[in-house]
Amino acid sequence: MKLYENFIKSASIYFDKIAQIILCAAIILVVVNILLRVFIDSPILGTYEYVGFCSSLMIGFSLAYCALESGNIAVEFFLDKLSPRIQAVIECIMGIIAFVFFIFTTWHMSRFAYSTVLSGEVSASTGTPVYYFIYLVTFGILMLCLVILSNLLNTIRQVLHK
């Protein structure tokens, strides 16, 4: 179990670092595009699309780390008034719901990506195939599922040992 948790933590940190690099690349792309537009009146074609692709990758790759660090918004105001055991049971229920939801999300996103492969869908101005980005975001959501599963198993362990 510890090996699984270490793997999930390392992979989440790694993908978050990639998201940070993508964020920097998007910022550089926007700044260079503005400078080129202002000084030589020749912007980079497809900047809007590339920034959109970068944004989707940043979100997809940073979800797992956010969940790992509990950086999401949690409703703790009401839960703090309950006993620790009831809090853990509620966390288990919410973890199961979140895990099932994101597994279905991963499944449907992968089906959607495959349908874009079959249809040959590309972006409007640059002609970039969109399925690459859909698959990468799907992988990021799968990583989120693994983090949720790890947190859920830890919470179940807490409930059973109390």
N, C-alpha and C. Protein backbone atom coordinates (compact mmCIF):
# COMPACT_ATOMS: atom_id res chain seq x y z
N MET A 1 0.82 -1.20 0.00
CA MET A 1 0.00 0.00 0.00
C MET A 1 0.86 1.26 0.00
N LYS A 2 1.95 1.22 0.77
CA LYS A 2 2.84 2.37 0.84
C LYS A 2 3.50 2.63 -0.52
N LEU A 3 3.82 1.55 -1.23
CA LEU A 3 4.42 1.68 -2.57
C LEU A 3 3.45 2.39 -3.51
N TYR A 4 2.17 2.01 -3.45
CA TYR A 4 1.13 2.63 -4.27
C TYR A 4 1.02 4.12 -3.94
N GLU A 5 0.99 4.45 -2.65
CA GLU A 5 0.88 5.85 -2.24
C GLU A 5 2.08 6.67 -2.70
N ASN A 6 3.27 6.10 -2.58
CA ASN A 6 4.48 6.80 -3.02
C ASN A 6 4.47 7.01 -4.53
N PHE A 7 4.02 6.00 -5.27
CA PHE A 7 3.93 6.14 -6.72
C PHE A 7 2.95 7.24 -7.10
N ILE A 8 1.78 7.24 -6.48
CA ILE A 8 0.76 8.24 -6.78
C ILE A 8 1.27 9.64 -6.44
N LYS A 9 1.93 9.77 -5.30
CA LYS A 9 2.47 11.08 -4.90
C LYS A 9 3.52 11.55 -5.88
N SER A 10 4.45 10.68 -6.24
CA SER A 10 5.51 11.05 -7.19
C SER A 10 4.95 11.41 -8.55
N ALA A 11 4.01 10.60 -9.04
CA ALA A 11 3.41 10.87 -10.35
C ALA A 11 2.62 12.17 -10.33
N SER A 12 1.90 12.43 -9.25
CA SER A 12 1.13 13.67 -9.15
C SER A 12 2.03 14.88 -9.13
N ILE A 13 3.12 14.81 -8.40
CA ILE A 13 4.08 15.91 -8.36
C ILE A 13 4.70 16.12 -9.74
N TYR A 14 5.05 15.03 -10.41
CA TYR A 14 5.64 15.10 -11.74
C TYR A 14 4.68 15.77 -12.73
N PHE A 15 3.42 15.36 -12.71
CA PHE A 15 2.46 15.97 -13.63
C PHE A 15 2.16 17.41 -13.27
N ASP A 16 2.22 17.76 -11.99
CA ASP A 16 2.05 19.15 -11.61
C ASP A 16 3.21 20.00 -12.12
N LYS A 17 4.42 19.45 -12.08
CA LYS A 17 5.58 20.17 -12.63
C LYS A 17 5.40 20.41 -14.13
N ILE A 18 4.88 19.39 -14.83
CA ILE A 18 4.61 19.55 -16.26
C ILE A 18 3.57 20.66 -16.47
N ALA A 19 2.54 20.68 -15.63
CA ALA A 19 1.52 21.73 -15.73
C ALA A 19 2.14 23.11 -15.52
N GLN A 20 3.09 23.22 -14.60
CA GLN A 20 3.76 24.50 -14.35
C GLN A 20 4.57 24.93 -15.58
N ILE A 21 5.23 23.98 -16.20
CA ILE A 21 6.01 24.29 -17.41
C ILE A 21 5.08 24.73 -18.54
N ILE A 22 3.94 24.05 -18.66
CA ILE A 22 2.97 24.42 -19.70
C ILE A 22 2.43 25.82 -19.44
N LEU A 23 2.19 26.16 -18.17
CA LEU A 23 1.74 27.51 -17.82
C LEU A 23 2.78 28.54 -18.26
N CYS A 24 4.04 28.29 -17.97
CA CYS A 24 5.11 29.21 -18.38
C CYS A 24 5.16 29.33 -19.90
N ALA A 25 5.01 28.21 -20.60
CA ALA A 25 5.03 28.23 -22.06
C ALA A 25 3.87 29.05 -22.61
N ALA A 26 2.69 28.91 -22.00
CA ALA A 26 1.53 29.68 -22.46
C ALA A 26 1.75 31.18 -22.22
N ILE A 27 2.33 31.52 -21.08
CA ILE A 27 2.61 32.94 -20.80
C ILE A 27 3.61 33.50 -21.81
N ILE A 28 4.66 32.74 -22.07
CA ILE A 28 5.66 33.18 -23.04
C ILE A 28 5.03 33.34 -24.42
N LEU A 29 4.18 32.38 -24.80
CA LEU A 29 3.51 32.45 -26.10
C LEU A 29 2.66 33.71 -26.21
N VAL A 30 1.90 34.04 -25.18
CA VAL A 30 1.05 35.22 -25.21
C VAL A 30 1.90 36.49 -25.28
N VAL A 31 2.95 36.57 -24.47
CA VAL A 31 3.80 37.76 -24.48
C VAL A 31 4.49 37.94 -25.83
N VAL A 32 5.05 36.86 -26.36
CA VAL A 32 5.71 36.94 -27.67
C VAL A 32 4.70 37.34 -28.75
N ASN A 33 3.50 36.78 -28.68
CA ASN A 33 2.47 37.13 -29.66
C ASN A 33 2.13 38.62 -29.60
N ILE A 34 2.01 39.15 -28.39
CA ILE A 34 1.71 40.58 -28.23
C ILE A 34 2.86 41.43 -28.77
N LEU A 35 4.09 41.05 -28.43
CA LEU A 35 5.24 41.82 -28.91
C LEU A 35 5.33 41.78 -30.44
N LEU A 36 5.12 40.62 -31.01
CA LEU A 36 5.17 40.52 -32.48
C LEU A 36 4.05 41.33 -33.12
N ARG A 37 2.89 41.32 -32.51
CA ARG A 37 1.76 42.08 -33.05
C ARG A 37 2.03 43.58 -32.98
N VAL A 38 2.61 44.03 -31.87
CA VAL A 38 2.84 45.46 -31.67
C VAL A 38 4.00 45.97 -32.53
N PHE A 39 5.12 45.23 -32.52
CA PHE A 39 6.33 45.77 -33.14
C PHE A 39 6.47 45.44 -34.63
N ILE A 40 6.04 44.29 -35.07
CA ILE A 40 6.21 43.99 -36.50
C ILE A 40 4.89 43.62 -37.18
N ASP A 41 3.79 43.83 -36.47
CA ASP A 41 2.45 43.60 -37.01
C ASP A 41 2.30 42.21 -37.63
N SER A 42 2.88 41.22 -36.95
CA SER A 42 2.79 39.85 -37.43
C SER A 42 2.62 38.89 -36.25
N PRO A 43 1.36 38.69 -35.82
CA PRO A 43 1.13 37.82 -34.68
C PRO A 43 1.35 36.34 -35.03
N ILE A 44 1.44 35.52 -34.01
CA ILE A 44 1.59 34.07 -34.19
C ILE A 44 0.22 33.49 -34.52
N LEU A 45 0.13 32.78 -35.63
CA LEU A 45 -1.12 32.18 -36.05
C LEU A 45 -1.54 31.09 -35.06
N GLY A 46 -2.77 31.15 -34.59
CA GLY A 46 -3.31 30.11 -33.72
C GLY A 46 -2.99 30.26 -32.24
N THR A 47 -2.53 31.43 -31.83
CA THR A 47 -2.19 31.63 -30.42
C THR A 47 -3.37 31.32 -29.50
N TYR A 48 -4.54 31.76 -29.90
CA TYR A 48 -5.73 31.52 -29.09
C TYR A 48 -5.96 30.01 -28.89
N GLU A 49 -5.82 29.24 -29.97
CA GLU A 49 -6.00 27.79 -29.87
C GLU A 49 -4.91 27.14 -29.01
N TYR A 50 -3.68 27.56 -29.23
CA TYR A 50 -2.57 26.97 -28.45
C TYR A 50 -2.71 27.27 -26.96
N VAL A 51 -3.14 28.47 -26.62
CA VAL A 51 -3.35 28.81 -25.21
C VAL A 51 -4.51 27.99 -24.65
N GLY A 52 -5.53 27.76 -25.45
CA GLY A 52 -6.64 26.90 -25.03
C GLY A 52 -6.18 25.48 -24.78
N PHE A 53 -5.35 24.94 -25.67
CA PHE A 53 -4.80 23.60 -25.48
C PHE A 53 -3.94 23.55 -24.22
N CYS A 54 -3.11 24.57 -24.04
CA CYS A 54 -2.26 24.64 -22.84
C CYS A 54 -3.10 24.70 -21.57
N SER A 55 -4.18 25.47 -21.62
CA SER A 55 -5.04 25.60 -20.44
C SER A 55 -5.67 24.26 -20.08
N SER A 56 -6.13 23.54 -21.07
CA SER A 56 -6.74 22.24 -20.78
C SER A 56 -5.71 21.28 -20.21
N LEU A 57 -4.49 21.30 -20.73
CA LEU A 57 -3.44 20.43 -20.21
C LEU A 57 -3.03 20.83 -18.79
N MET A 58 -2.95 22.13 -18.54
CA MET A 58 -2.59 22.59 -17.19
C MET A 58 -3.62 22.10 -16.17
N ILE A 59 -4.88 22.23 -16.49
CA ILE A 59 -5.92 21.80 -15.56
C ILE A 59 -5.88 20.29 -15.39
N GLY A 60 -5.82 19.57 -16.51
CA GLY A 60 -5.81 18.11 -16.44
C GLY A 60 -4.63 17.55 -15.67
N PHE A 61 -3.46 18.14 -15.87
CA PHE A 61 -2.25 17.62 -15.22
C PHE A 61 -2.12 18.06 -13.77
N SER A 62 -2.82 19.10 -13.36
CA SER A 62 -2.68 19.57 -11.98
C SER A 62 -3.79 19.07 -11.05
N LEU A 63 -4.81 18.42 -11.58
CA LEU A 63 -5.92 17.94 -10.76
C LEU A 63 -5.48 16.96 -9.68
N ALA A 64 -4.64 16.01 -10.06
CA ALA A 64 -4.23 14.97 -9.11
C ALA A 64 -3.44 15.57 -7.94
N TYR A 65 -2.53 16.48 -8.24
CA TYR A 65 -1.74 17.09 -7.17
C TYR A 65 -2.62 17.93 -6.26
N CYS A 66 -3.59 18.63 -6.84
CA CYS A 66 -4.51 19.44 -6.05
C CYS A 66 -5.28 18.54 -5.08
N ALA A 67 -5.75 17.39 -5.56
CA ALA A 67 -6.47 16.46 -4.69
C ALA A 67 -5.53 15.85 -3.65
N LEU A 68 -4.31 15.59 -4.04
CA LEU A 68 -3.33 15.02 -3.12
C LEU A 68 -3.06 15.97 -1.95
N GLU A 69 -2.99 17.24 -2.24
CA GLU A 69 -2.71 18.26 -1.22
C GLU A 69 -3.99 18.79 -0.56
N SER A 70 -5.13 18.21 -0.91
CA SER A 70 -6.43 18.67 -0.41
C SER A 70 -6.60 20.16 -0.68
N GLY A 71 -6.23 20.56 -1.89
CA GLY A 71 -6.34 21.95 -2.28
C GLY A 71 -7.71 22.32 -2.80
N ASN A 72 -8.60 21.36 -2.81
CA ASN A 72 -9.96 21.63 -3.28
C ASN A 72 -10.79 22.23 -2.15
N ILE A 73 -11.93 22.75 -2.52
CA ILE A 73 -12.82 23.34 -1.53
C ILE A 73 -13.58 22.21 -0.86
N ALA A 74 -13.53 22.18 0.44
CA ALA A 74 -14.23 21.14 1.20
C ALA A 74 -15.21 21.79 2.16
N VAL A 75 -16.32 21.13 2.35
CA VAL A 75 -17.32 21.64 3.28
C VAL A 75 -17.00 21.08 4.65
N GLU A 76 -16.18 21.81 5.39
CA GLU A 76 -15.76 21.35 6.70
C GLU A 76 -16.50 22.05 7.83
N PHE A 77 -17.19 23.12 7.52
CA PHE A 77 -17.88 23.89 8.55
C PHE A 77 -18.87 23.01 9.31
N PHE A 78 -19.65 22.22 8.56
CA PHE A 78 -20.65 21.36 9.19
C PHE A 78 -20.01 20.09 9.74
N LEU A 79 -19.02 19.57 9.04
CA LEU A 79 -18.40 18.31 9.46
C LEU A 79 -17.61 18.46 10.75
N ASP A 80 -17.07 19.63 11.00
CA ASP A 80 -16.27 19.85 12.22
C ASP A 80 -17.08 19.66 13.50
N LYS A 81 -18.38 19.78 13.39
CA LYS A 81 -19.24 19.65 14.55
C LYS A 81 -19.59 18.19 14.86
N LEU A 82 -19.19 17.28 13.97
CA LEU A 82 -19.49 15.86 14.16
C LEU A 82 -18.30 15.14 14.77
N SER A 83 -18.54 13.92 15.23
CA SER A 83 -17.45 13.13 15.81
C SER A 83 -16.47 12.70 14.71
N PRO A 84 -15.22 12.44 15.07
CA PRO A 84 -14.23 12.04 14.07
C PRO A 84 -14.63 10.79 13.28
N ARG A 85 -15.29 9.85 13.95
CA ARG A 85 -15.70 8.62 13.25
C ARG A 85 -16.76 8.93 12.19
N ILE A 86 -17.73 9.77 12.53
CA ILE A 86 -18.77 10.14 11.57
C ILE A 86 -18.15 10.96 10.43
N GLN A 87 -17.20 11.81 10.76
CA GLN A 87 -16.50 12.57 9.72
C GLN A 87 -15.82 11.62 8.73
N ALA A 88 -15.17 10.59 9.27
CA ALA A 88 -14.48 9.63 8.41
C ALA A 88 -15.46 8.84 7.55
N VAL A 89 -16.61 8.47 8.11
CA VAL A 89 -17.62 7.75 7.34
C VAL A 89 -18.15 8.63 6.21
N ILE A 90 -18.42 9.88 6.51
CA ILE A 90 -18.89 10.81 5.47
C ILE A 90 -17.81 11.00 4.40
N GLU A 91 -16.54 11.10 4.81
CA GLU A 91 -15.45 11.20 3.85
C GLU A 91 -15.38 9.97 2.97
N CYS A 92 -15.64 8.79 3.54
CA CYS A 92 -15.67 7.55 2.75
C CYS A 92 -16.77 7.61 1.69
N ILE A 93 -17.94 8.01 2.13
CA ILE A 93 -19.07 8.09 1.19
C ILE A 93 -18.77 9.08 0.07
N MET A 94 -18.26 10.24 0.44
CA MET A 94 -17.92 11.25 -0.57
C MET A 94 -16.79 10.78 -1.48
N GLY A 95 -15.83 10.06 -0.91
CA GLY A 95 -14.74 9.52 -1.71
C GLY A 95 -15.22 8.50 -2.73
N ILE A 96 -16.15 7.64 -2.31
CA ILE A 96 -16.71 6.65 -3.23
C ILE A 96 -17.47 7.34 -4.35
N ILE A 97 -18.28 8.32 -3.99
CA ILE A 97 -19.04 9.07 -5.00
C ILE A 97 -18.09 9.75 -5.98
N ALA A 98 -17.06 10.42 -5.47
CA ALA A 98 -16.10 11.12 -6.33
C ALA A 98 -15.35 10.14 -7.22
N PHE A 99 -14.93 9.01 -6.65
CA PHE A 99 -14.19 8.01 -7.42
C PHE A 99 -15.05 7.48 -8.57
N VAL A 100 -16.28 7.10 -8.27
CA VAL A 100 -17.18 6.57 -9.31
C VAL A 100 -17.43 7.64 -10.38
N PHE A 101 -17.69 8.87 -9.94
CA PHE A 101 -17.94 9.95 -10.91
C PHE A 101 -16.75 10.14 -11.85
N PHE A 102 -15.54 10.21 -11.28
CA PHE A 102 -14.38 10.47 -12.13
C PHE A 102 -13.96 9.27 -12.96
N ILE A 103 -14.27 8.06 -12.50
CA ILE A 103 -14.04 6.89 -13.36
C ILE A 103 -14.94 6.96 -14.58
N PHE A 104 -16.22 7.29 -14.35
CA PHE A 104 -17.13 7.45 -15.49
C PHE A 104 -16.69 8.60 -16.39
N THR A 105 -16.21 9.67 -15.79
CA THR A 105 -15.70 10.80 -16.58
C THR A 105 -14.53 10.36 -17.44
N THR A 106 -13.61 9.60 -16.86
CA THR A 106 -12.45 9.10 -17.61
C THR A 106 -12.91 8.22 -18.76
N TRP A 107 -13.84 7.32 -18.49
CA TRP A 107 -14.35 6.42 -19.52
C TRP A 107 -14.99 7.20 -20.67
N HIS A 108 -15.85 8.16 -20.34
CA HIS A 108 -16.54 8.91 -21.39
C HIS A 108 -15.59 9.84 -22.14
N MET A 109 -14.62 10.40 -21.44
CA MET A 109 -13.62 11.24 -22.12
C MET A 109 -12.79 10.41 -23.10
N SER A 110 -12.43 9.20 -22.71
CA SER A 110 -11.65 8.36 -23.62
C SER A 110 -12.50 7.96 -24.83
N ARG A 111 -13.78 7.71 -24.62
CA ARG A 111 -14.67 7.42 -25.76
C ARG A 111 -14.80 8.63 -26.67
N PHE A 112 -14.90 9.82 -26.06
CA PHE A 112 -14.99 11.05 -26.85
C PHE A 112 -13.71 11.27 -27.65
N ALA A 113 -12.57 11.04 -27.01
CA ALA A 113 -11.29 11.19 -27.72
C ALA A 113 -11.22 10.24 -28.90
N TYR A 114 -11.65 9.01 -28.69
CA TYR A 114 -11.63 8.03 -29.78
C TYR A 114 -12.57 8.45 -30.91
N SER A 115 -13.71 9.03 -30.56
CA SER A 115 -14.63 9.48 -31.62
C SER A 115 -14.02 10.64 -32.42
N THR A 116 -13.21 11.48 -31.76
CA THR A 116 -12.55 12.55 -32.52
C THR A 116 -11.43 12.00 -33.40
N VAL A 117 -10.83 10.89 -32.98
CA VAL A 117 -9.85 10.22 -33.84
C VAL A 117 -10.55 9.74 -35.10
N LEU A 118 -11.68 9.08 -34.92
CA LEU A 118 -12.42 8.52 -36.06
C LEU A 118 -12.95 9.60 -36.99
N SER A 119 -13.40 10.71 -36.41
CA SER A 119 -13.96 11.78 -37.23
C SER A 119 -12.88 12.67 -37.85
N GLY A 120 -11.66 12.59 -37.33
CA GLY A 120 -10.57 13.41 -37.86
C GLY A 120 -10.70 14.88 -37.48
N GLU A 121 -11.34 15.17 -36.37
CA GLU A 121 -11.57 16.55 -35.94
C GLU A 121 -10.24 17.24 -35.63
N VAL A 122 -10.12 18.46 -36.16
CA VAL A 122 -8.93 19.27 -35.93
C VAL A 122 -9.36 20.67 -35.50
N SER A 123 -8.42 21.42 -34.95
CA SER A 123 -8.73 22.79 -34.54
C SER A 123 -8.94 23.67 -35.78
N ALA A 124 -9.65 24.76 -35.59
CA ALA A 124 -10.10 25.57 -36.72
C ALA A 124 -8.99 26.27 -37.48
N SER A 125 -8.09 26.96 -36.78
CA SER A 125 -7.12 27.78 -37.51
C SER A 125 -5.78 27.10 -37.74
N THR A 126 -5.38 26.18 -36.88
CA THR A 126 -4.06 25.56 -37.06
C THR A 126 -4.13 24.14 -37.60
N GLY A 127 -5.32 23.54 -37.56
CA GLY A 127 -5.46 22.18 -38.05
C GLY A 127 -4.83 21.13 -37.14
N THR A 128 -4.65 21.46 -35.87
CA THR A 128 -4.07 20.54 -34.90
C THR A 128 -5.10 19.50 -34.50
N PRO A 129 -4.77 18.21 -34.55
CA PRO A 129 -5.73 17.20 -34.09
C PRO A 129 -6.01 17.39 -32.60
N VAL A 130 -7.28 17.42 -32.24
CA VAL A 130 -7.66 17.70 -30.86
C VAL A 130 -7.61 16.47 -29.96
N TYR A 131 -7.62 15.28 -30.56
CA TYR A 131 -7.69 14.08 -29.73
C TYR A 131 -6.46 13.89 -28.87
N TYR A 132 -5.31 14.39 -29.28
CA TYR A 132 -4.11 14.31 -28.43
C TYR A 132 -4.38 14.95 -27.07
N PHE A 133 -4.95 16.13 -27.11
CA PHE A 133 -5.19 16.89 -25.90
C PHE A 133 -6.30 16.26 -25.05
N ILE A 134 -7.30 15.72 -25.73
CA ILE A 134 -8.38 15.05 -24.99
C ILE A 134 -7.84 13.83 -24.26
N TYR A 135 -6.99 13.05 -24.94
CA TYR A 135 -6.39 11.88 -24.29
C TYR A 135 -5.50 12.29 -23.11
N LEU A 136 -4.74 13.37 -23.27
CA LEU A 136 -3.86 13.81 -22.17
C LEU A 136 -4.67 14.30 -20.97
N VAL A 137 -5.74 15.04 -21.22
CA VAL A 137 -6.59 15.48 -20.11
C VAL A 137 -7.26 14.27 -19.46
N THR A 138 -7.66 13.29 -20.28
CA THR A 138 -8.25 12.06 -19.75
C THR A 138 -7.25 11.35 -18.84
N PHE A 139 -6.01 11.32 -19.24
CA PHE A 139 -4.99 10.70 -18.39
C PHE A 139 -4.84 11.46 -17.08
N GLY A 140 -4.93 12.79 -17.13
CA GLY A 140 -4.88 13.60 -15.91
C GLY A 140 -6.04 13.28 -14.99
N ILE A 141 -7.23 13.07 -15.55
CA ILE A 141 -8.39 12.71 -14.74
C ILE A 141 -8.22 11.31 -14.16
N LEU A 142 -7.61 10.41 -14.92
CA LEU A 142 -7.32 9.07 -14.40
C LEU A 142 -6.36 9.16 -13.21
N MET A 143 -5.37 10.03 -13.30
CA MET A 143 -4.46 10.24 -12.16
C MET A 143 -5.24 10.76 -10.95
N LEU A 144 -6.21 11.64 -11.20
CA LEU A 144 -7.06 12.13 -10.11
C LEU A 144 -7.82 10.96 -9.48
N CYS A 145 -8.31 10.04 -10.30
CA CYS A 145 -9.01 8.86 -9.77
C CYS A 145 -8.10 8.05 -8.86
N LEU A 146 -6.85 7.90 -9.24
CA LEU A 146 -5.91 7.14 -8.42
C LEU A 146 -5.64 7.83 -7.09
N VAL A 147 -5.57 9.15 -7.10
CA VAL A 147 -5.38 9.90 -5.85
C VAL A 147 -6.62 9.75 -4.97
N ILE A 148 -7.79 9.88 -5.57
CA ILE A 148 -9.03 9.73 -4.79
C ILE A 148 -9.10 8.33 -4.19
N LEU A 149 -8.71 7.31 -4.97
CA LEU A 149 -8.70 5.94 -4.47
C LEU A 149 -7.74 5.80 -3.29
N SER A 150 -6.57 6.38 -3.41
CA SER A 150 -5.59 6.33 -2.32
C SER A 150 -6.14 6.99 -1.06
N ASN A 151 -6.72 8.18 -1.22
CA ASN A 151 -7.32 8.88 -0.07
C ASN A 151 -8.47 8.07 0.52
N LEU A 152 -9.26 7.46 -0.36
CA LEU A 152 -10.39 6.66 0.11
C LEU A 152 -9.92 5.45 0.91
N LEU A 153 -8.90 4.78 0.44
CA LEU A 153 -8.37 3.63 1.17
C LEU A 153 -7.81 4.03 2.53
N ASN A 154 -7.15 5.18 2.58
CA ASN A 154 -6.65 5.68 3.88
C ASN A 154 -7.80 6.02 4.83
N THR A 155 -8.86 6.61 4.30
CA THR A 155 -10.01 6.95 5.13
C THR A 155 -10.71 5.69 5.62
N ILE A 156 -10.86 4.69 4.75
CA ILE A 156 -11.47 3.42 5.16
C ILE A 156 -10.63 2.78 6.26
N ARG A 157 -9.31 2.85 6.12
CA ARG A 157 -8.44 2.31 7.15
C ARG A 157 -8.65 3.03 8.49
N GLN A 158 -8.84 4.35 8.41
CA GLN A 158 -9.11 5.12 9.63
C GLN A 158 -10.42 4.69 10.28
N VAL A 159 -11.45 4.50 9.46
CA VAL A 159 -12.76 4.12 9.99
C VAL A 159 -12.68 2.76 10.65
N LEU A 160 -11.97 1.82 10.05
CA LEU A 160 -11.89 0.46 10.59
C LEU A 160 -11.05 0.38 11.85
N HIS A 161 -10.10 1.28 12.01
CA HIS A 161 -9.20 1.23 13.17
C HIS A 161 -9.67 2.09 14.33
N LYS A 162 -10.77 2.78 14.18
CA LYS A 162 -11.26 3.63 15.28
C LYS A 162 -12.32 2.90 16.06
